[in-house]
Amino acid sequence: MEQIPHLLGVIVNLTDYTIGADKGGEVNFFDDFDIDYNQLKYLYESRLSGALTKPKSALVIWEVGHVPTVESVEDMLPTPVVPPVGG
């Protein structure tokens, strides 16, 4: 949100959101012994991704008096970088 000034937050309803996992929902397990505390520590890790699948269902919260127009929001967004095709 540092790139878009006066934007306070975005609220979505998770029922409008679709969540998925790569590699069939693979879960990684790590363990390590912490010598400082004489403890065996465990970590489970998984990667998730998601997308808002219901159009216009997010609420955008702006600072009072700073609601931008559509054109000014498009100017605030970073320009996408398209990789070159071919060799």
C-alpha atoms as a PDB file:
ATOM      1  CA  MET A   1       0.000   0.000   0.000  1.00  0.00           C
ATOM      2  CA  GLU A   2       3.031   2.245   0.104  1.00  0.00           C
ATOM      3  CA  GLN A   3       2.865   2.569  -3.703  1.00  0.00           C
ATOM      4  CA  ILE A   4      -0.745   3.822  -3.660  1.00  0.00           C
ATOM      5  CA  PRO A   5      -1.051   6.869  -1.390  1.00  0.00           C
ATOM      6  CA  HIS A   6      -4.153   7.314   0.807  1.00  0.00           C
ATOM      7  CA  LEU A   7      -5.229   3.664   0.398  1.00  0.00           C
ATOM      8  CA  LEU A   8      -6.058   2.236   3.822  1.00  0.00           C
ATOM      9  CA  GLY A   9      -7.138  -1.284   2.925  1.00  0.00           C
ATOM     10  CA  VAL A  10      -9.120  -3.752   0.848  1.00  0.00           C
ATOM     11  CA  ILE A  11     -11.814  -5.992   2.359  1.00  0.00           C
ATOM     12  CA  VAL A  12     -13.028  -9.184   0.681  1.00  0.00           C
ATOM     13  CA  ASN A  13     -15.538 -11.816   1.729  1.00  0.00           C
ATOM     14  CA  LEU A  14     -13.780 -15.187   1.755  1.00  0.00           C
ATOM     15  CA  THR A  15     -16.907 -16.869   0.336  1.00  0.00           C
ATOM     16  CA  ASP A  16     -16.224 -14.883  -2.872  1.00  0.00           C
ATOM     17  CA  TYR A  17     -12.611 -16.047  -2.872  1.00  0.00           C
ATOM     18  CA  THR A  18     -11.314 -19.284  -4.416  1.00  0.00           C
ATOM     19  CA  ILE A  19      -8.295 -20.869  -2.726  1.00  0.00           C
ATOM     20  CA  GLY A  20      -6.092 -23.555  -4.227  1.00  0.00           C
ATOM     21  CA  ALA A  21      -2.779 -25.271  -3.683  1.00  0.00           C
ATOM     22  CA  ASP A  22       0.037 -26.167  -6.024  1.00  0.00           C
ATOM     23  CA  LYS A  23       1.449 -29.684  -6.358  1.00  0.00           C
ATOM     24  CA  GLY A  24      -1.759 -31.236  -5.043  1.00  0.00           C
ATOM     25  CA  GLY A  25      -1.593 -29.517  -1.664  1.00  0.00           C
ATOM     26  CA  GLU A  26       1.890 -30.741  -0.778  1.00  0.00           C
ATOM     27  CA  VAL A  27       2.835 -30.195   2.870  1.00  0.00           C
ATOM     28  CA  ASN A  28       6.483 -29.896   3.908  1.00  0.00           C
ATOM     29  CA  PHE A  29       7.720 -30.830   7.370  1.00  0.00           C
ATOM     30  CA  PHE A  30      10.836 -29.441   9.031  1.00  0.00           C
ATOM     31  CA  ASP A  31      12.290 -30.141  12.463  1.00  0.00           C
ATOM     32  CA  ASP A  32      15.266 -28.610  14.219  1.00  0.00           C
ATOM     33  CA  PHE A  33      16.818 -28.839  17.652  1.00  0.00           C
ATOM     34  CA  ASP A  34      17.246 -25.484  19.414  1.00  0.00           C
ATOM     35  CA  ILE A  35      20.294 -25.898  21.648  1.00  0.00           C
ATOM     36  CA  ASP A  36      19.647 -22.567  23.437  1.00  0.00           C
ATOM     37  CA  TYR A  37      16.286 -23.733  24.822  1.00  0.00           C
ATOM     38  CA  ASN A  38      16.954 -27.501  24.727  1.00  0.00           C
ATOM     39  CA  GLN A  39      13.831 -28.026  22.596  1.00  0.00           C
ATOM     40  CA  LEU A  40      12.958 -29.834  19.402  1.00  0.00           C
ATOM     41  CA  LYS A  41      10.960 -27.461  17.164  1.00  0.00           C
ATOM     42  CA  TYR A  42       8.678 -28.414  14.285  1.00  0.00           C
ATOM     43  CA  LEU A  43       7.403 -26.490  11.272  1.00  0.00           C
ATOM     44  CA  TYR A  44       4.729 -27.520   8.770  1.00  0.00           C
ATOM     45  CA  GLU A  45       4.673 -25.505   5.560  1.00  0.00           C
ATOM     46  CA  SER A  46       2.272 -25.420   2.631  1.00  0.00           C
ATOM     47  CA  ARG A  47       1.786 -22.975  -0.205  1.00  0.00           C
ATOM     48  CA  LEU A  48      -1.619 -21.616  -1.139  1.00  0.00           C
ATOM     49  CA  SER A  49      -2.867 -19.266  -3.803  1.00  0.00           C
ATOM     50  CA  GLY A  50      -6.176 -17.585  -4.345  1.00  0.00           C
ATOM     51  CA  ALA A  51      -8.245 -15.263  -6.464  1.00  0.00           C
ATOM     52  CA  LEU A  52     -11.335 -13.168  -6.005  1.00  0.00           C
ATOM     53  CA  THR A  53     -13.828 -14.881  -8.334  1.00  0.00           C
ATOM     54  CA  LYS A  54     -16.927 -12.679  -7.852  1.00  0.00           C
ATOM     55  CA  PRO A  55     -16.557  -9.421  -9.824  1.00  0.00           C
ATOM     56  CA  LYS A  56     -16.835  -6.115  -7.943  1.00  0.00           C
ATOM     57  CA  SER A  57     -17.132  -7.796  -4.539  1.00  0.00           C
ATOM     58  CA  ALA A  58     -14.170  -6.141  -2.813  1.00  0.00           C
ATOM     59  CA  LEU A  59     -14.452  -3.005  -0.680  1.00  0.00           C
ATOM     60  CA  VAL A  60     -11.645  -0.472  -1.055  1.00  0.00           C
ATOM     61  CA  ILE A  61     -11.105   1.894   1.887  1.00  0.00           C
ATOM     62  CA  TRP A  62      -9.568   5.309   1.186  1.00  0.00           C
ATOM     63  CA  GLU A  63      -8.671   8.186   3.508  1.00  0.00           C
ATOM     64  CA  VAL A  64     -11.445  10.770   3.914  1.00  0.00           C
ATOM     65  CA  GLY A  65     -11.302  13.343   1.116  1.00  0.00           C
ATOM     66  CA  HIS A  66      -8.895  11.302  -1.024  1.00  0.00           C
ATOM     67  CA  VAL A  67     -11.188   9.041  -3.076  1.00  0.00           C
ATOM     68  CA  PRO A  68      -9.504   8.992  -6.493  1.00  0.00           C
ATOM     69  CA  THR A  69     -11.023   8.780  -9.953  1.00  0.00           C
ATOM     70  CA  VAL A  70     -10.546   5.667 -12.091  1.00  0.00           C
ATOM     71  CA  GLU A  71      -7.923   7.397 -14.238  1.00  0.00           C
ATOM     72  CA  SER A  72      -5.827   8.468 -11.252  1.00  0.00           C
ATOM     73  CA  VAL A  73      -5.866   4.936  -9.780  1.00  0.00           C
ATOM     74  CA  GLU A  74      -4.648   3.520 -13.099  1.00  0.00           C
ATOM     75  CA  ASP A  75      -1.802   6.069 -13.024  1.00  0.00           C
ATOM     76  CA  MET A  76      -0.785   4.881  -9.504  1.00  0.00           C
ATOM     77  CA  LEU A  77      -0.472   1.212 -10.493  1.00  0.00           C
ATOM     78  CA  PRO A  78       2.931  -0.054 -11.609  1.00  0.00           C
ATOM     79  CA  THR A  79       3.419  -0.645 -15.302  1.00  0.00           C
ATOM     80  CA  PRO A  80       3.478  -4.379 -16.033  1.00  0.00           C
ATOM     81  CA  VAL A  81       6.706  -5.716 -17.496  1.00  0.00           C
ATOM     82  CA  VAL A  82       6.173  -8.008 -20.477  1.00  0.00           C
ATOM     83  CA  PRO A  83       9.100 -10.379 -21.094  1.00  0.00           C
ATOM     84  CA  PRO A  84      10.388 -10.547 -24.667  1.00  0.00           C
ATOM     85  CA  VAL A  85       9.192 -13.463 -26.792  1.00  0.00           C
ATOM     86  CA  GLY A  86      11.657 -15.505 -28.798  1.00  0.00           C
ATOM     87  CA  GLY A  87      15.413 -15.474 -28.668  1.00  0.00           C
END
